Amino acid sequence: MTIEEYRLSLAWSVSELARRSRLSSRTVSRIEKGEPAYAHTVAAIARALSEGLGQTVTIHDLEGVRIAER
């Protein structure tokens, strides 16, 4: 599933996912749109989704995510 699909399954807005991930809404939106992001940033989203869903979501479970090279 994509980040957006996970987020919508929880009935969360972009701003709610951002708050729970401790990221900006702009960052979450950019990642959802397929812009590259560092692994630690995507991991913060995965952790927030995991907590909301009550199951483990890893960065590898998030379809369409592009991990940026350092």
Protein backbone atom coordinates (compact mmCIF):
# COMPACT_ATOMS: atom_id res chain seq x y z
CA MET A 1 0.00 0.00 0.00
CA THR A 2 1.06 3.58 -0.50
CA ILE A 3 1.47 6.07 2.34
CA GLU A 4 -1.71 7.77 1.19
CA GLU A 5 -3.66 4.49 1.22
CA TYR A 6 -2.47 3.70 4.75
CA ARG A 7 -3.25 7.25 5.85
CA LEU A 8 -6.76 7.17 4.39
CA SER A 9 -7.45 3.75 5.95
CA LEU A 10 -6.85 5.45 9.29
CA ALA A 11 -9.02 8.43 8.28
CA TRP A 12 -6.03 10.73 8.90
CA SER A 13 -5.37 13.98 7.11
CA VAL A 14 -1.92 14.83 5.83
CA SER A 15 -1.52 17.18 8.77
CA GLU A 16 -2.45 14.42 11.26
CA LEU A 17 0.12 12.03 9.79
CA ALA A 18 2.67 14.83 9.79
CA ARG A 19 1.96 15.61 13.46
CA ARG A 20 2.26 11.96 14.47
CA SER A 21 5.46 11.59 12.41
CA ARG A 22 6.90 14.85 13.75
CA LEU A 23 7.35 16.12 10.19
CA SER A 24 5.89 19.04 8.30
CA SER A 25 2.72 18.59 6.26
CA ARG A 26 4.66 19.76 3.23
CA THR A 27 7.22 16.97 3.70
CA VAL A 28 4.52 14.31 3.98
CA SER A 29 2.74 15.67 0.90
CA ARG A 30 5.96 15.68 -1.12
CA ILE A 31 6.74 12.08 -0.16
CA GLU A 32 3.19 10.98 -1.00
CA LYS A 33 3.62 12.57 -4.44
CA GLY A 34 6.74 10.50 -5.06
CA GLU A 35 9.51 12.97 -4.34
CA PRO A 36 12.65 11.36 -2.87
CA ALA A 37 13.11 11.37 0.90
CA TYR A 38 15.79 10.16 3.26
CA ALA A 39 15.23 6.74 4.83
CA HIS A 40 15.02 8.17 8.36
CA THR A 41 12.22 10.51 7.26
CA VAL A 42 10.24 7.69 5.67
CA ALA A 43 10.89 5.57 8.76
CA ALA A 44 9.21 8.25 10.90
CA ILE A 45 6.10 7.95 8.74
CA ALA A 46 6.22 4.15 8.92
CA ARG A 47 6.45 4.31 12.74
CA ALA A 48 3.44 6.63 12.96
CA LEU A 49 1.42 4.40 10.65
CA SER A 50 2.45 1.33 12.67
CA GLU A 51 1.24 2.93 15.89
CA GLY A 52 -2.05 3.93 14.30
CA LEU A 53 -2.69 0.55 12.72
CA GLY A 54 -1.44 -1.54 15.62
CA GLN A 55 0.79 -3.52 13.26
CA THR A 56 4.31 -3.11 11.97
CA VAL A 57 4.76 -1.09 8.80
CA THR A 58 8.32 -0.75 7.49
CA ILE A 59 9.69 1.53 4.80
CA HIS A 60 9.73 -1.51 2.52
CA ASP A 61 5.95 -1.87 2.93
CA LEU A 62 5.36 1.63 1.57
CA GLU A 63 4.79 1.39 -2.16
CA GLY A 64 5.94 4.22 -4.39
CA VAL A 65 8.40 5.70 -1.91
CA ARG A 66 11.68 6.89 -3.38
CA ILE A 67 14.61 6.81 -0.96
CA ALA A 68 17.13 9.59 -1.57
CA GLU A 69 20.84 8.90 -1.69
CA ARG A 70 22.98 10.80 0.78
